[in-house]
Amino acid sequence: MTEPNGSTLPEPGPGEPRTDLGTTLQSARPRLREQPGTRGRTTIADGVVEKIAGIAAREVPGIHALGGGFTRTMGAMRDRVPGGHPSAGRGVKVEVGEKQTAIDLQVVVAYGVSITDLAAEVRENVIAAVERMTGLEVVEVNIAVNDVHLPDEDTQETPEDRVH
């Protein structure tokens, strides 16, 4: 048996495995491989980011509900239909790229809460949750305060809308 460089290897004895199979100077070198996590592409749907952002925003004390008046009304009606279920992404709109996302939130705040402080806290919570769970960079979180919930308001919202 002759190596590519001209030297010869002894033939294996009976019952001994061949060690020259596919061995060349190129294949004898260790191969540099990519990490398994970088082989392939992951895409994240807009709805996934909407749900994560919606849940993260609702976790902040002082957020009464997400969505504008019409959105909340339509959502409440849809939730009452048999087989219907609440949408965690209600009041959330996102634009998702390959590595970045932008998020728009429509919120109803509880009366008496500092809106500027609440908005900052919502941004922090939403950015942390979306970046941690998706790996996307959140470039902006725009918050539109559509209403203030008064303590004595008698609304017919679903339990999912009433958060804090």
Protein backbone atom coordinates (compact mmCIF):
# COMPACT_ATOMS: atom_id res chain seq x y z
CA MET A 1 0.00 0.00 0.00
CA THR A 2 1.45 3.40 -1.00
CA GLU A 3 0.79 6.74 0.71
CA PRO A 4 0.32 9.88 -1.44
CA ASN A 5 3.81 11.01 -0.39
CA GLY A 6 5.31 7.80 -1.81
CA SER A 7 5.94 5.88 1.46
CA THR A 8 4.39 2.47 2.00
CA LEU A 9 2.41 1.14 4.91
CA PRO A 10 2.59 -2.48 6.05
CA GLU A 11 -0.42 -4.61 5.08
CA PRO A 12 -2.64 -5.50 8.06
CA GLY A 13 -2.53 -9.05 9.32
CA PRO A 14 -5.53 -11.38 9.31
CA GLY A 15 -8.36 -9.98 11.45
CA GLU A 16 -6.70 -6.56 11.82
CA PRO A 17 -8.69 -3.53 10.65
CA ARG A 18 -7.39 -1.49 7.76
CA THR A 19 -6.28 1.94 8.90
CA ASP A 20 -5.68 3.46 5.51
CA LEU A 21 -9.28 3.65 4.31
CA GLY A 22 -9.91 7.15 3.01
CA THR A 23 -6.75 8.45 4.65
CA THR A 24 -5.07 11.20 2.69
CA LEU A 25 -3.13 14.19 3.82
CA GLN A 26 -6.30 16.30 3.55
CA SER A 27 -8.57 13.91 5.46
CA ALA A 28 -5.94 13.18 8.12
CA ARG A 29 -6.14 16.79 9.33
CA PRO A 30 -8.82 17.56 11.90
CA ARG A 31 -11.76 19.30 10.27
CA LEU A 32 -12.80 22.70 11.51
CA ARG A 33 -16.52 22.52 12.00
CA GLU A 34 -19.08 25.15 12.79
CA GLN A 35 -20.83 24.97 16.11
CA PRO A 36 -24.14 23.05 15.87
CA GLY A 37 -26.07 26.18 16.81
CA THR A 38 -24.87 28.01 13.70
CA ARG A 39 -25.76 25.31 11.18
CA GLY A 40 -29.02 26.37 9.61
CA ARG A 41 -31.39 29.29 9.94
CA THR A 42 -34.05 30.11 12.52
CA THR A 43 -36.98 32.32 11.62
CA ILE A 44 -39.35 33.78 14.18
CA ALA A 45 -42.90 34.67 13.16
CA ASP A 46 -44.35 38.08 13.96
CA GLY A 47 -47.04 36.43 16.09
CA VAL A 48 -44.43 34.88 18.37
CA VAL A 49 -42.84 38.25 19.11
CA GLU A 50 -46.32 39.80 19.55
CA LYS A 51 -47.25 37.22 22.18
CA ILE A 52 -43.99 37.56 24.08
CA ALA A 53 -44.23 41.37 24.07
CA GLY A 54 -47.92 41.30 25.06
CA ILE A 55 -47.33 38.99 28.00
CA ALA A 56 -44.28 40.99 29.13
CA ALA A 57 -46.21 44.27 28.97
CA ARG A 58 -49.14 42.83 30.94
CA GLU A 59 -46.75 41.73 33.72
CA VAL A 60 -46.00 45.35 34.62
CA PRO A 61 -48.17 46.69 37.48
CA GLY A 62 -50.20 49.66 36.27
CA ILE A 63 -51.06 48.23 32.86
CA HIS A 64 -54.81 47.68 32.91
CA ALA A 65 -55.17 46.29 29.38
CA LEU A 66 -53.61 46.23 25.94
CA GLY A 67 -55.27 47.45 22.76
CA GLY A 68 -57.39 50.38 21.75
CA GLY A 69 -61.11 50.57 22.48
CA PHE A 70 -62.20 48.92 19.23
CA THR A 71 -59.52 46.23 19.45
CA ARG A 72 -60.52 45.37 23.01
CA THR A 73 -64.22 45.27 22.12
CA MET A 74 -63.68 42.99 19.12
CA GLY A 75 -61.31 40.81 21.14
CA ALA A 76 -63.82 40.46 23.97
CA MET A 77 -66.51 39.39 21.50
CA ARG A 78 -64.16 36.91 19.82
CA ASP A 79 -63.22 35.46 23.23
CA ARG A 80 -66.88 34.74 24.00
CA VAL A 81 -67.37 32.69 20.82
CA PRO A 82 -67.25 28.96 21.54
CA GLY A 83 -63.77 27.72 20.75
CA GLY A 84 -62.38 31.25 20.86
CA HIS A 85 -59.51 32.05 23.18
CA PRO A 86 -57.84 35.25 24.32
CA SER A 87 -55.05 36.68 22.20
CA ALA A 88 -51.84 37.40 24.06
CA GLY A 89 -50.79 39.63 21.16
CA ARG A 90 -53.82 41.93 21.32
CA GLY A 91 -52.73 45.58 21.20
CA VAL A 92 -49.26 44.65 19.94
CA LYS A 93 -47.85 45.22 16.48
CA VAL A 94 -44.35 44.16 15.49
CA GLU A 95 -42.00 44.29 12.56
CA VAL A 96 -39.55 41.41 12.61
CA GLY A 97 -36.39 41.28 10.52
CA GLU A 98 -33.63 38.68 10.48
CA LYS A 99 -31.82 40.10 13.51
CA GLN A 100 -33.93 43.00 14.79
CA THR A 101 -37.50 43.83 15.72
CA ALA A 102 -39.55 46.95 16.44
CA ILE A 103 -42.61 46.81 18.69
CA ASP A 104 -45.68 49.06 18.96
CA LEU A 105 -47.95 48.73 22.00
CA GLN A 106 -51.39 50.20 22.64
CA VAL A 107 -52.05 50.30 26.37
CA VAL A 108 -54.67 51.31 28.90
CA VAL A 109 -53.11 52.43 32.17
CA ALA A 110 -54.60 52.39 35.64
CA TYR A 111 -55.53 55.80 37.04
CA GLY A 112 -52.92 57.32 39.35
CA VAL A 113 -49.89 55.65 37.78
CA SER A 114 -47.04 57.78 36.45
CA ILE A 115 -47.28 57.17 32.70
CA THR A 116 -43.64 58.07 32.02
CA ASP A 117 -42.37 55.70 34.72
CA LEU A 118 -44.78 52.99 33.59
CA ALA A 119 -43.71 53.35 29.95
CA ALA A 120 -40.04 53.02 30.93
CA GLU A 121 -40.78 49.90 32.98
CA VAL A 122 -42.85 48.37 30.17
CA ARG A 123 -40.04 49.03 27.68
CA GLU A 124 -37.48 47.39 29.96
CA ASN A 125 -39.64 44.33 30.57
CA VAL A 126 -40.62 43.89 26.91
CA ILE A 127 -37.07 44.35 25.63
CA ALA A 128 -35.64 41.93 28.19
CA ALA A 129 -38.25 39.24 27.45
CA VAL A 130 -38.10 39.49 23.65
CA GLU A 131 -34.31 39.61 23.48
CA ARG A 132 -33.88 36.76 25.96
CA MET A 133 -36.42 34.48 24.30
CA THR A 134 -35.80 35.23 20.62
CA GLY A 135 -32.25 36.51 20.39
CA LEU A 136 -33.55 39.41 18.27
CA GLU A 137 -32.33 42.92 19.03
CA VAL A 138 -35.25 45.17 19.97
CA VAL A 139 -34.52 48.50 18.30
CA GLU A 140 -37.57 50.33 19.66
CA VAL A 141 -40.70 49.90 21.74
CA ASN A 142 -43.29 52.57 20.94
CA ILE A 143 -46.08 52.93 23.48
CA ALA A 144 -49.41 54.60 22.74
CA VAL A 145 -51.50 55.24 25.85
CA ASN A 146 -55.07 55.02 24.56
CA ASP A 147 -57.02 55.27 27.79
CA VAL A 148 -56.88 55.56 31.55
CA HIS A 149 -58.89 53.06 33.54
CA LEU A 150 -60.74 54.69 36.41
CA PRO A 151 -61.33 52.60 39.54
CA ASP A 152 -65.09 53.10 39.42
CA GLU A 153 -65.50 52.29 35.72
CA ASP A 154 -67.86 49.42 35.14
CA THR A 155 -66.52 47.85 31.96
CA GLN A 156 -67.28 44.50 30.46
CA GLU A 157 -63.76 43.40 29.78
CA THR A 158 -62.55 39.87 29.91
CA PRO A 159 -60.42 38.75 32.86
CA GLU A 160 -57.41 38.62 30.52
CA ASP A 161 -57.78 42.36 29.88
CA ARG A 162 -57.88 43.21 33.59
CA VAL A 163 -54.32 42.72 34.76
CA HIS A 164 -53.54 44.94 37.72
